[in-house]
Amino acid sequence: MKQRSIKIKGKRLQNFVREKILKNFPHLKKKDVVCVENGIQGPDIILSKVGMKLCPFQFEIKNQEKLKGIYQWYRQANKNIPKGLTPVVVCKRNAQDPLVIIDFKTFLELIK
């Protein structure tokens, strides 16, 4: 797959996640949930202060066929994370629904 196609595929998933966040938190504005350009260090989606309070996660987005780097992706999501946010990896394979990866402790807190 060409590098340009890979970037477009990743950007498509970023936009999908952004739109779902905006849909689930209708009082957030587009400026509260911003997709970052490819190649820039840090999270793939930047949330405003209001966005962080409502959706306290830091998103790393991966749209790849091979998902063998999951732990590396999770470490990347955990890098330089602001206090109070939880690292999340959103990953997707071709013709599959996106999955969210969080640590088990966070999962238990969510289902309490």
PDB file of N, CA and C in Angstrom:
ATOM      1  N   MET A   1       0.855  -1.184   0.000  1.00  0.00           N
ATOM      2  CA  MET A   1       0.000   0.000   0.000  1.00  0.00           C
ATOM      3  C   MET A   1       0.898   1.244   0.000  1.00  0.00           C
ATOM      4  N   LYS A   2       0.527   2.237  -0.784  1.00  0.00           N
ATOM      5  CA  LYS A   2       1.308   3.471  -0.879  1.00  0.00           C
ATOM      6  C   LYS A   2       1.184   4.296   0.398  1.00  0.00           C
ATOM      7  N   GLN A   3       2.239   5.056   0.700  1.00  0.00           N
ATOM      8  CA  GLN A   3       2.268   5.887   1.905  1.00  0.00           C
ATOM      9  C   GLN A   3       1.087   6.858   1.942  1.00  0.00           C
ATOM     10  N   ARG A   4       0.759   7.438   0.808  1.00  0.00           N
ATOM     11  CA  ARG A   4      -0.370   8.384   0.739  1.00  0.00           C
ATOM     12  C   ARG A   4      -1.683   7.684   1.110  1.00  0.00           C
ATOM     13  N   SER A   5      -1.877   6.474   0.615  1.00  0.00           N
ATOM     14  CA  SER A   5      -3.092   5.709   0.916  1.00  0.00           C
ATOM     15  C   SER A   5      -3.167   5.373   2.401  1.00  0.00           C
ATOM     16  N   ILE A   6      -2.014   5.052   2.982  1.00  0.00           N
ATOM     17  CA  ILE A   6      -1.959   4.730   4.418  1.00  0.00           C
ATOM     18  C   ILE A   6      -2.389   5.939   5.240  1.00  0.00           C
ATOM     19  N   LYS A   7      -1.876   7.115   4.877  1.00  0.00           N
ATOM     20  CA  LYS A   7      -2.220   8.343   5.608  1.00  0.00           C
ATOM     21  C   LYS A   7      -3.702   8.673   5.473  1.00  0.00           C
ATOM     22  N   ILE A   8      -4.245   8.499   4.276  1.00  0.00           N
ATOM     23  CA  ILE A   8      -5.665   8.777   4.043  1.00  0.00           C
ATOM     24  C   ILE A   8      -6.529   7.831   4.872  1.00  0.00           C
ATOM     25  N   LYS A   9      -6.139   6.567   4.926  1.00  0.00           N
ATOM     26  CA  LYS A   9      -6.880   5.573   5.706  1.00  0.00           C
ATOM     27  C   LYS A   9      -6.879   5.937   7.194  1.00  0.00           C
ATOM     28  N   GLY A  10      -5.721   6.355   7.715  1.00  0.00           N
ATOM     29  CA  GLY A  10      -5.627   6.765   9.114  1.00  0.00           C
ATOM     30  C   GLY A  10      -6.453   8.009   9.394  1.00  0.00           C
ATOM     31  N   LYS A  11      -6.408   8.970   8.486  1.00  0.00           N
ATOM     32  CA  LYS A  11      -7.168  10.211   8.646  1.00  0.00           C
ATOM     33  C   LYS A  11      -8.670   9.935   8.646  1.00  0.00           C
ATOM     34  N   ARG A  12      -9.091   8.983   7.825  1.00  0.00           N
ATOM     35  CA  ARG A  12     -10.510   8.614   7.763  1.00  0.00           C
ATOM     36  C   ARG A  12     -10.986   8.089   9.121  1.00  0.00           C
ATOM     37  N   LEU A  13     -10.169   7.262   9.789  1.00  0.00           N
ATOM     38  CA  LEU A  13     -10.545   6.749  11.110  1.00  0.00           C
ATOM     39  C   LEU A  13     -10.517   7.863  12.152  1.00  0.00           C
ATOM     40  N   GLN A  14      -9.541   8.760  12.061  1.00  0.00           N
ATOM     41  CA  GLN A  14      -9.499   9.908  12.976  1.00  0.00           C
ATOM     42  C   GLN A  14     -10.796  10.715  12.878  1.00  0.00           C
ATOM     43  N   ASN A  15     -11.207  11.011  11.670  1.00  0.00           N
ATOM     44  CA  ASN A  15     -12.437  11.788  11.455  1.00  0.00           C
ATOM     45  C   ASN A  15     -13.665  11.034  11.960  1.00  0.00           C
ATOM     46  N   PHE A  16     -13.690   9.716  11.775  1.00  0.00           N
ATOM     47  CA  PHE A  16     -14.789   8.887  12.272  1.00  0.00           C
ATOM     48  C   PHE A  16     -14.895   9.009  13.791  1.00  0.00           C
ATOM     49  N   VAL A  17     -13.762   8.877  14.487  1.00  0.00           N
ATOM     50  CA  VAL A  17     -13.757   8.971  15.956  1.00  0.00           C
ATOM     51  C   VAL A  17     -14.194  10.366  16.388  1.00  0.00           C
ATOM     52  N   ARG A  18     -13.674  11.384  15.733  1.00  0.00           N
ATOM     53  CA  ARG A  18     -14.046  12.766  16.064  1.00  0.00           C
ATOM     54  C   ARG A  18     -15.548  12.984  15.917  1.00  0.00           C
ATOM     55  N   GLU A  19     -16.110  12.538  14.808  1.00  0.00           N
ATOM     56  CA  GLU A  19     -17.550  12.715  14.577  1.00  0.00           C
ATOM     57  C   GLU A  19     -18.383  11.956  15.608  1.00  0.00           C
ATOM     58  N   LYS A  20     -17.954  10.772  16.013  1.00  0.00           N
ATOM     59  CA  LYS A  20     -18.684  10.001  17.029  1.00  0.00           C
ATOM     60  C   LYS A  20     -18.634  10.699  18.384  1.00  0.00           C
ATOM     61  N   ILE A  21     -17.487  11.279  18.728  1.00  0.00           N
ATOM     62  CA  ILE A  21     -17.374  12.032  19.987  1.00  0.00           C
ATOM     63  C   ILE A  21     -18.324  13.220  19.942  1.00  0.00           C
ATOM     64  N   LEU A  22     -18.292  13.970  18.834  1.00  0.00           N
ATOM     65  CA  LEU A  22     -19.179  15.139  18.706  1.00  0.00           C
ATOM     66  C   LEU A  22     -20.648  14.732  18.748  1.00  0.00           C
ATOM     67  N   LYS A  23     -20.992  13.609  18.160  1.00  0.00           N
ATOM     68  CA  LYS A  23     -22.380  13.144  18.160  1.00  0.00           C
ATOM     69  C   LYS A  23     -22.833  12.729  19.566  1.00  0.00           C
ATOM     70  N   ASN A  24     -21.926  12.096  20.324  1.00  0.00           N
ATOM     71  CA  ASN A  24     -22.282  11.622  21.661  1.00  0.00           C
ATOM     72  C   ASN A  24     -22.222  12.715  22.721  1.00  0.00           C
ATOM     73  N   PHE A  25     -21.562  13.824  22.422  1.00  0.00           N
ATOM     74  CA  PHE A  25     -21.530  14.985  23.307  1.00  0.00           C
ATOM     75  C   PHE A  25     -21.967  16.192  22.488  1.00  0.00           C
ATOM     76  N   PRO A  26     -23.282  16.324  22.222  1.00  0.00           N
ATOM     77  CA  PRO A  26     -23.780  17.335  21.279  1.00  0.00           C
ATOM     78  C   PRO A  26     -23.480  18.776  21.677  1.00  0.00           C
ATOM     79  N   HIS A  27     -23.211  19.047  22.947  1.00  0.00           N
ATOM     80  CA  HIS A  27     -22.905  20.413  23.349  1.00  0.00           C
ATOM     81  C   HIS A  27     -21.439  20.788  23.069  1.00  0.00           C
ATOM     82  N   LEU A  28     -20.599  19.817  22.653  1.00  0.00           N
ATOM     83  CA  LEU A  28     -19.241  20.143  22.231  1.00  0.00           C
ATOM     84  C   LEU A  28     -19.285  20.711  20.812  1.00  0.00           C
ATOM     85  N   LYS A  29     -18.413  21.671  20.567  1.00  0.00           N
ATOM     86  CA  LYS A  29     -18.303  22.259  19.236  1.00  0.00           C
ATOM     87  C   LYS A  29     -17.130  21.610  18.510  1.00  0.00           C
ATOM     88  N   LYS A  30     -17.079  21.789  17.190  1.00  0.00           N
ATOM     89  CA  LYS A  30     -16.002  21.190  16.393  1.00  0.00           C
ATOM     90  C   LYS A  30     -14.623  21.616  16.887  1.00  0.00           C
ATOM     91  N   LYS A  31     -14.502  22.843  17.388  1.00  0.00           N
ATOM     92  CA  LYS A  31     -13.201  23.317  17.881  1.00  0.00           C
ATOM     93  C   LYS A  31     -12.798  22.617  19.188  1.00  0.00           C
ATOM     94  N   ASP A  32     -13.732  21.938  19.849  1.00  0.00           N
ATOM     95  CA  ASP A  32     -13.434  21.205  21.089  1.00  0.00           C
ATOM     96  C   ASP A  32     -12.811  19.837  20.828  1.00  0.00           C
ATOM     97  N   VAL A  33     -12.932  19.331  19.609  1.00  0.00           N
ATOM     98  CA  VAL A  33     -12.416  18.005  19.238  1.00  0.00           C
ATOM     99  C   VAL A  33     -11.702  18.159  17.895  1.00  0.00           C
ATOM    100  N   VAL A  34     -10.374  18.194  17.933  1.00  0.00           N
ATOM    101  CA  VAL A  34      -9.590  18.506  16.741  1.00  0.00           C
ATOM    102  C   VAL A  34      -8.696  17.325  16.365  1.00  0.00           C
ATOM    103  N   CYS A  35      -8.714  16.944  15.093  1.00  0.00           N
ATOM    104  CA  CYS A  35      -7.816  15.903  14.574  1.00  0.00           C
ATOM    105  C   CYS A  35      -6.456  16.530  14.285  1.00  0.00           C
ATOM    106  N   VAL A  36      -5.399  15.826  14.674  1.00  0.00           N
ATOM    107  CA  VAL A  36      -4.035  16.298  14.465  1.00  0.00           C
ATOM    108  C   VAL A  36      -3.535  15.796  13.112  1.00  0.00           C
ATOM    109  N   GLU A  37      -2.698  16.578  12.458  1.00  0.00           N
ATOM    110  CA  GLU A  37      -2.106  16.174  11.188  1.00  0.00           C
ATOM    111  C   GLU A  37      -1.176  14.984  11.387  1.00  0.00           C
ATOM    112  N   ASN A  38      -1.022  14.152  10.367  1.00  0.00           N
ATOM    113  CA  ASN A  38      -0.118  13.002  10.415  1.00  0.00           C
ATOM    114  C   ASN A  38       1.312  13.453  10.667  1.00  0.00           C
ATOM    115  N   GLY A  39       2.042  12.681  11.473  1.00  0.00           N
ATOM    116  CA  GLY A  39       3.453  12.951  11.716  1.00  0.00           C
ATOM    117  C   GLY A  39       3.727  13.870  12.879  1.00  0.00           C
ATOM    118  N   ILE A  40       2.702  14.445  13.484  1.00  0.00           N
ATOM    119  CA  ILE A  40       2.894  15.339  14.617  1.00  0.00           C
ATOM    120  C   ILE A  40       2.870  14.507  15.895  1.00  0.00           C
ATOM    121  N   GLN A  41       3.851  14.747  16.777  1.00  0.00           N
ATOM    122  CA  GLN A  41       3.943  14.015  18.041  1.00  0.00           C
ATOM    123  C   GLN A  41       2.735  14.308  18.923  1.00  0.00           C
ATOM    124  N   GLY A  42       2.369  13.347  19.748  1.00  0.00           N
ATOM    125  CA  GLY A  42       1.280  13.532  20.695  1.00  0.00           C
ATOM    126  C   GLY A  42       0.030  12.791  20.273  1.00  0.00           C
ATOM    127  N   PRO A  43      -1.065  13.080  20.948  1.00  0.00           N
ATOM    128  CA  PRO A  43      -2.322  12.376  20.659  1.00  0.00           C
ATOM    129  C   PRO A  43      -2.827  12.705  19.261  1.00  0.00           C
ATOM    130  N   ASP A  44      -3.644  11.820  18.726  1.00  0.00           N
ATOM    131  CA  ASP A  44      -4.182  12.011  17.381  1.00  0.00           C
ATOM    132  C   ASP A  44      -5.426  12.887  17.372  1.00  0.00           C
ATOM    133  N   ILE A  45      -6.052  13.022  18.529  1.00  0.00           N
ATOM    134  CA  ILE A  45      -7.219  13.901  18.666  1.00  0.00           C
ATOM    135  C   ILE A  45      -6.983  14.771  19.892  1.00  0.00           C
ATOM    136  N   ILE A  46      -7.067  16.074  19.706  1.00  0.00           N
ATOM    137  CA  ILE A  46      -6.870  17.034  20.795  1.00  0.00           C
ATOM    138  C   ILE A  46      -8.245  17.494  21.280  1.00  0.00           C
ATOM    139  N   LEU A  47      -8.454  17.382  22.574  1.00  0.00           N
ATOM    140  CA  LEU A  47      -9.708  17.820  23.184  1.00  0.00           C
ATOM    141  C   LEU A  47      -9.477  19.130  23.936  1.00  0.00           C
ATOM    142  N   SER A  48     -10.462  20.012  23.900  1.00  0.00           N
ATOM    143  CA  SER A  48     -10.407  21.241  24.681  1.00  0.00           C
ATOM    144  C   SER A  48     -10.546  20.882  26.155  1.00  0.00           C
ATOM    145  N   LYS A  49     -10.430  21.857  27.028  1.00  0.00           N
ATOM    146  CA  LYS A  49     -10.597  21.596  28.469  1.00  0.00           C
ATOM    147  C   LYS A  49     -11.987  21.036  28.761  1.00  0.00           C
ATOM    148  N   VAL A  50     -12.990  21.589  28.126  1.00  0.00           N
ATOM    149  CA  VAL A  50     -14.357  21.091  28.295  1.00  0.00           C
ATOM    150  C   VAL A  50     -14.453  19.663  27.769  1.00  0.00           C
ATOM    151  N   GLY A  51     -13.857  19.423  26.601  1.00  0.00           N
ATOM    152  CA  GLY A  51     -13.853  18.089  26.015  1.00  0.00           C
ATOM    153  C   GLY A  51     -13.172  17.072  26.918  1.00  0.00           C
ATOM    154  N   MET A  52     -12.056  17.472  27.557  1.00  0.00           N
ATOM    155  CA  MET A  52     -11.335  16.568  28.469  1.00  0.00           C
ATOM    156  C   MET A  52     -12.175  16.211  29.690  1.00  0.00           C
ATOM    157  N   LYS A  53     -12.950  17.166  30.165  1.00  0.00           N
ATOM    158  CA  LYS A  53     -13.795  16.875  31.342  1.00  0.00           C
ATOM    159  C   LYS A  53     -14.906  15.891  30.980  1.00  0.00           C
ATOM    160  N   LEU A  54     -15.482  16.057  29.805  1.00  0.00           N
ATOM    161  CA  LEU A  54     -16.581  15.191  29.387  1.00  0.00           C
ATOM    162  C   LEU A  54     -16.106  13.834  28.878  1.00  0.00           C
ATOM    163  N   CYS A  55     -14.967  13.812  28.248  1.00  0.00           N
ATOM    164  CA  CYS A  55     -14.428  12.600  27.623  1.00  0.00           C
ATOM    165  C   CYS A  55     -12.948  12.490  28.027  1.00  0.00           C
ATOM    166  N   PRO A  56     -12.668  12.008  29.240  1.00  0.00           N
ATOM    167  CA  PRO A  56     -11.304  12.062  29.790  1.00  0.00           C
ATOM    168  C   PRO A  56     -10.373  10.974  29.240  1.00  0.00           C
ATOM    169  N   PHE A  57     -10.163  11.005  27.940  1.00  0.00           N
ATOM    170  CA  PHE A  57      -9.316  10.017  27.290  1.00  0.00           C
ATOM    171  C   PHE A  57      -8.346  10.714  26.341  1.00  0.00           C
ATOM    172  N   GLN A  58      -7.195  10.095  26.150  1.00  0.00           N
ATOM    173  CA  GLN A  58      -6.239  10.548  25.140  1.00  0.00           C
ATOM    174  C   GLN A  58      -6.209   9.485  24.058  1.00  0.00           C
ATOM    175  N   PHE A  59      -6.506   9.877  22.832  1.00  0.00           N
ATOM    176  CA  PHE A  59      -6.709   8.932  21.749  1.00  0.00           C
ATOM    177  C   PHE A  59      -5.488   8.758  20.858  1.00  0.00           C
ATOM    178  N   GLU A  60      -5.131   7.526  20.617  1.00  0.00           N
ATOM    179  CA  GLU A  60      -4.145   7.132  19.611  1.00  0.00           C
ATOM    180  C   GLU A  60      -4.927   6.340  18.575  1.00  0.00           C
ATOM    181  N   ILE A  61      -4.858   6.739  17.311  1.00  0.00           N
ATOM    182  CA  ILE A  61      -5.674   6.146  16.258  1.00  0.00           C
ATOM    183  C   ILE A  61      -4.791   5.332  15.318  1.00  0.00           C
ATOM    184  N   LYS A  62      -5.162   4.072  15.084  1.00  0.00           N
ATOM    185  CA  LYS A  62      -4.412   3.195  14.174  1.00  0.00           C
ATOM    186  C   LYS A  62      -5.383   2.483  13.245  1.00  0.00           C
ATOM    187  N   ASN A  63      -5.185   2.646  11.945  1.00  0.00           N
ATOM    188  CA  ASN A  63      -6.006   1.958  10.944  1.00  0.00           C
ATOM    189  C   ASN A  63      -5.062   1.102  10.109  1.00  0.00           C
ATOM    190  N   GLN A  64      -4.785  -0.111  10.614  1.00  0.00           N
ATOM    191  CA  GLN A  64      -3.806  -0.991   9.984  1.00  0.00           C
ATOM    192  C   GLN A  64      -4.350  -2.406   9.884  1.00  0.00           C
ATOM    193  N   GLU A  65      -3.883  -3.119   8.892  1.00  0.00           N
ATOM    194  CA  GLU A  65      -4.304  -4.506   8.719  1.00  0.00           C
ATOM    195  C   GLU A  65      -3.657  -5.412   9.773  1.00  0.00           C
ATOM    196  N   LYS A  66      -2.387  -5.158  10.076  1.00  0.00           N
ATOM    197  CA  LYS A  66      -1.685  -5.965  11.079  1.00  0.00           C
ATOM    198  C   LYS A  66      -1.742  -5.251  12.416  1.00  0.00           C
ATOM    199  N   LEU A  67      -2.269  -5.930  13.408  1.00  0.00           N
ATOM    200  CA  LEU A  67      -2.445  -5.323  14.732  1.00  0.00           C
ATOM    201  C   LEU A  67      -1.457  -5.876  15.754  1.00  0.00           C
ATOM    202  N   LYS A  68      -0.259  -6.226  15.319  1.00  0.00           N
ATOM    203  CA  LYS A  68       0.680  -6.847  16.241  1.00  0.00           C
ATOM    204  C   LYS A  68       1.419  -5.851  17.141  1.00  0.00           C
ATOM    205  N   GLY A  69       1.263  -4.566  16.933  1.00  0.00           N
ATOM    206  CA  GLY A  69       1.959  -3.561  17.742  1.00  0.00           C
ATOM    207  C   GLY A  69       1.102  -2.951  18.827  1.00  0.00           C
ATOM    208  N   ILE A  70       0.105  -3.674  19.306  1.00  0.00           N
ATOM    209  CA  ILE A  70      -0.878  -3.118  20.235  1.00  0.00           C
ATOM    210  C   ILE A  70      -0.240  -2.520  21.490  1.00  0.00           C
ATOM    211  N   TYR A  71       0.681  -3.248  22.111  1.00  0.00           N
ATOM    212  CA  TYR A  71       1.291  -2.728  23.340  1.00  0.00           C
ATOM    213  C   TYR A  71       2.140  -1.494  23.053  1.00  0.00           C
ATOM    214  N   GLN A  72       2.796  -1.453  21.924  1.00  0.00           N
ATOM    215  CA  GLN A  72       3.570  -0.272  21.531  1.00  0.00           C
ATOM    216  C   GLN A  72       2.626   0.920  21.318  1.00  0.00           C
ATOM    217  N   TRP A  73       1.490   0.672  20.693  1.00  0.00           N
ATOM    218  CA  TRP A  73       0.511   1.736  20.483  1.00  0.00           C
ATOM    219  C   TRP A  73      -0.001   2.260  21.813  1.00  0.00           C
ATOM    220  N   TYR A  74      -0.244   1.339  22.758  1.00  0.00           N
ATOM    221  CA  TYR A  74      -0.752   1.750  24.069  1.00  0.00           C
ATOM    222  C   TYR A  74       0.296   2.605  24.798  1.00  0.00           C
ATOM    223  N   ARG A  75       1.574   2.216  24.704  1.00  0.00           N
ATOM    224  CA  ARG A  75       2.639   3.034  25.303  1.00  0.00           C
ATOM    225  C   ARG A  75       2.664   4.411  24.643  1.00  0.00           C
ATOM    226  N   GLN A  76       2.453   4.457  23.338  1.00  0.00           N
ATOM    227  CA  GLN A  76       2.434   5.728  22.618  1.00  0.00           C
ATOM    228  C   GLN A  76       1.276   6.607  23.103  1.00  0.00           C
ATOM    229  N   ALA A  77       0.117   6.014  23.329  1.00  0.00           N
ATOM    230  CA  ALA A  77      -1.043   6.765  23.836  1.00  0.00           C
ATOM    231  C   ALA A  77      -0.783   7.277  25.248  1.00  0.00           C
ATOM    232  N   ASN A  78       0.041   6.567  26.000  1.00  0.00           N
ATOM    233  CA  ASN A  78       0.351   6.899  27.396  1.00  0.00           C
ATOM    234  C   ASN A  78       1.435   7.958  27.515  1.00  0.00           C
ATOM    235  N   LYS A  79       2.117   8.271  26.425  1.00  0.00           N
ATOM    236  CA  LYS A  79       3.251   9.183  26.436  1.00  0.00           C
ATOM    237  C   LYS A  79       2.789  10.626  26.638  1.00  0.00           C
ATOM    238  N   ASN A  80       3.413  11.312  27.593  1.00  0.00           N
ATOM    239  CA  ASN A  80       3.127  12.736  27.860  1.00  0.00           C
ATOM    240  C   ASN A  80       1.642  13.018  28.035  1.00  0.00           C
ATOM    241  N   ILE A  81       0.954  12.137  28.721  1.00  0.00           N
ATOM    242  CA  ILE A  81      -0.496  12.276  28.878  1.00  0.00           C
ATOM    243  C   ILE A  81      -0.803  13.286  29.990  1.00  0.00           C
ATOM    244  N   PRO A  82      -1.704  14.237  29.734  1.00  0.00           N
ATOM    245  CA  PRO A  82      -2.082  15.183  30.783  1.00  0.00           C
ATOM    246  C   PRO A  82      -2.761  14.467  31.955  1.00  0.00           C
ATOM    247  N   LYS A  83      -2.565  15.008  33.131  1.00  0.00           N
ATOM    248  CA  LYS A  83      -3.157  14.429  34.335  1.00  0.00           C
ATOM    249  C   LYS A  83      -4.674  14.385  34.200  1.00  0.00           C
ATOM    250  N   GLY A  84      -5.255  13.248  34.571  1.00  0.00           N
ATOM    251  CA  GLY A  84      -6.699  13.093  34.539  1.00  0.00           C
ATOM    252  C   GLY A  84      -7.234  12.427  33.280  1.00  0.00           C
ATOM    253  N   LEU A  85      -6.380  12.239  32.262  1.00  0.00           N
ATOM    254  CA  LEU A  85      -6.828  11.577  31.045  1.00  0.00           C
ATOM    255  C   LEU A  85      -6.405  10.108  31.066  1.00  0.00           C
ATOM    256  N   THR A  86      -7.156   9.277  30.381  1.00  0.00           N
ATOM    257  CA  THR A  86      -6.882   7.847  30.284  1.00  0.00           C
ATOM    258  C   THR A  86      -6.453   7.533  28.855  1.00  0.00           C
ATOM    259  N   PRO A  87      -5.349   6.793  28.688  1.00  0.00           N
ATOM    260  CA  PRO A  87      -4.929   6.450  27.336  1.00  0.00           C
ATOM    261  C   PRO A  87      -5.878   5.450  26.684  1.00  0.00           C
ATOM    262  N   VAL A  88      -6.171   5.687  25.422  1.00  0.00           N
ATOM    263  CA  VAL A  88      -7.071   4.831  24.643  1.00  0.00           C
ATOM    264  C   VAL A  88      -6.460   4.658  23.256  1.00  0.00           C
ATOM    265  N   VAL A  89      -6.485   3.446  22.756  1.00  0.00           N
ATOM    266  CA  VAL A  89      -6.080   3.193  21.371  1.00  0.00           C
ATOM    267  C   VAL A  89      -7.331   2.783  20.608  1.00  0.00           C
ATOM    268  N   VAL A  90      -7.607   3.464  19.512  1.00  0.00           N
ATOM    269  CA  VAL A  90      -8.684   3.070  18.617  1.00  0.00           C
ATOM    270  C   VAL A  90      -8.003   2.461  17.400  1.00  0.00           C
ATOM    271  N   CYS A  91      -8.281   1.187  17.134  1.00  0.00           N
ATOM    272  CA  CYS A  91      -7.641   0.530  15.994  1.00  0.00           C
ATOM    273  C   CYS A  91      -8.703  -0.125  15.116  1.00  0.00           C
ATOM    274  N   LYS A  92      -8.345  -0.290  13.864  1.00  0.00           N
ATOM    275  CA  LYS A  92      -9.298  -0.832  12.902  1.00  0.00           C
ATOM    276  C   LYS A  92      -8.551  -1.579  11.817  1.00  0.00           C
ATOM    277  N   ARG A  93      -9.120  -2.669  11.380  1.00  0.00           N
ATOM    278  CA  ARG A  93      -8.624  -3.417  10.223  1.00  0.00           C
ATOM    279  C   ARG A  93      -9.596  -3.213   9.071  1.00  0.00           C
ATOM    280  N   ASN A  94      -9.143  -3.516   7.872  1.00  0.00           N
ATOM    281  CA  ASN A  94     -10.007  -3.388   6.694  1.00  0.00           C
ATOM    282  C   ASN A  94     -11.286  -4.201   6.878  1.00  0.00           C
ATOM    283  N   ALA A  95     -12.407  -3.625   6.545  1.00  0.00           N
ATOM    284  CA  ALA A  95     -13.716  -4.279   6.572  1.00  0.00           C
ATOM    285  C   ALA A  95     -14.120  -4.768   7.965  1.00  0.00           C
ATOM    286  N   GLN A  96     -13.547  -4.175   8.999  1.00  0.00           N
ATOM    287  CA  GLN A  96     -13.884  -4.534  10.381  1.00  0.00           C
ATOM    288  C   GLN A  96     -14.323  -3.273  11.125  1.00  0.00           C
ATOM    289  N   ASP A  97     -15.074  -3.465  12.199  1.00  0.00           N
ATOM    290  CA  ASP A  97     -15.453  -2.334  13.037  1.00  0.00           C
ATOM    291  C   ASP A  97     -14.260  -1.900  13.891  1.00  0.00           C
ATOM    292  N   PRO A  98     -14.173  -0.602  14.235  1.00  0.00           N
ATOM    293  CA  PRO A  98     -13.093  -0.138  15.098  1.00  0.00           C
ATOM    294  C   PRO A  98     -13.201  -0.767  16.494  1.00  0.00           C
ATOM    295  N   LEU A  99     -12.050  -0.984  17.115  1.00  0.00           N
ATOM    296  CA  LEU A  99     -11.974  -1.487  18.487  1.00  0.00           C
ATOM    297  C   LEU A  99     -11.281  -0.449  19.356  1.00  0.00           C
ATOM    298  N   VAL A 100     -11.605  -0.468  20.639  1.00  0.00           N
ATOM    299  CA  VAL A 100     -10.967   0.419  21.608  1.00  0.00           C
ATOM    300  C   VAL A 100     -10.162  -0.433  22.570  1.00  0.00           C
ATOM    301  N   ILE A 101      -8.928  -0.015  22.834  1.00  0.00           N
ATOM    302  CA  ILE A 101      -8.064  -0.724  23.767  1.00  0.00           C
ATOM    303  C   ILE A 101      -7.816   0.185  24.965  1.00  0.00           C
ATOM    304  N   ILE A 102      -8.188  -0.302  26.134  1.00  0.00           N
ATOM    305  CA  ILE A 102      -7.908   0.373  27.401  1.00  0.00           C
ATOM    306  C   ILE A 102      -7.333  -0.666  28.352  1.00  0.00           C
ATOM    307  N   ASP A 103      -6.720  -0.206  29.442  1.00  0.00           N
ATOM    308  CA  ASP A 103      -6.189  -1.195  30.380  1.00  0.00           C
ATOM    309  C   ASP A 103      -7.332  -1.792  31.214  1.00  0.00           C
ATOM    310  N   PHE A 104      -7.065  -2.937  31.802  1.00  0.00           N
ATOM    311  CA  PHE A 104      -8.101  -3.693  32.512  1.00  0.00           C
ATOM    312  C   PHE A 104      -8.641  -2.930  33.715  1.00  0.00           C
ATOM    313  N   LYS A 105      -7.767  -2.227  34.417  1.00  0.00           N
ATOM    314  CA  LYS A 105      -8.187  -1.443  35.587  1.00  0.00           C
ATOM    315  C   LYS A 105      -9.218  -0.392  35.174  1.00  0.00           C
ATOM    316  N   THR A 106      -8.974   0.287  34.062  1.00  0.00           N
ATOM    317  CA  THR A 106      -9.917   1.289  33.561  1.00  0.00           C
ATOM    318  C   THR A 106     -11.235   0.636  33.165  1.00  0.00           C
ATOM    319  N   PHE A 107     -11.150  -0.499  32.516  1.00  0.00           N
ATOM    320  CA  PHE A 107     -12.363  -1.234  32.146  1.00  0.00           C
ATOM    321  C   PHE A 107     -13.213  -1.545  33.370  1.00  0.00           C
ATOM    322  N   LEU A 108     -12.585  -2.015  34.446  1.00  0.00           N
ATOM    323  CA  LEU A 108     -13.327  -2.334  35.675  1.00  0.00           C
ATOM    324  C   LEU A 108     -13.977  -1.083  36.257  1.00  0.00           C
ATOM    325  N   GLU A 109     -13.284   0.037  36.213  1.00  0.00           N
ATOM    326  CA  GLU A 109     -13.866   1.289  36.699  1.00  0.00           C
ATOM    327  C   GLU A 109     -15.091   1.701  35.875  1.00  0.00           C
ATOM    328  N   LEU A 110     -15.028   1.482  34.569  1.00  0.00           N
ATOM    329  CA  LEU A 110     -16.145   1.850  33.698  1.00  0.00           C
ATOM    330  C   LEU A 110     -17.389   0.999  33.925  1.00  0.00           C
ATOM    331  N   ILE A 111     -17.202  -0.255  34.267  1.00  0.00           N
ATOM    332  CA  ILE A 111     -18.370  -1.146  34.417  1.00  0.00           C
ATOM    333  C   ILE A 111     -18.913  -1.166  35.838  1.00  0.00           C
ATOM    334  N   LYS A 112     -18.281  -0.500  36.756  1.00  0.00           N
ATOM    335  CA  LYS A 112     -18.780  -0.460  38.149  1.00  0.00           C
ATOM    336  C   LYS A 112     -20.153   0.158  38.221  1.00  0.00           C
TER     337      LYS A 112
END
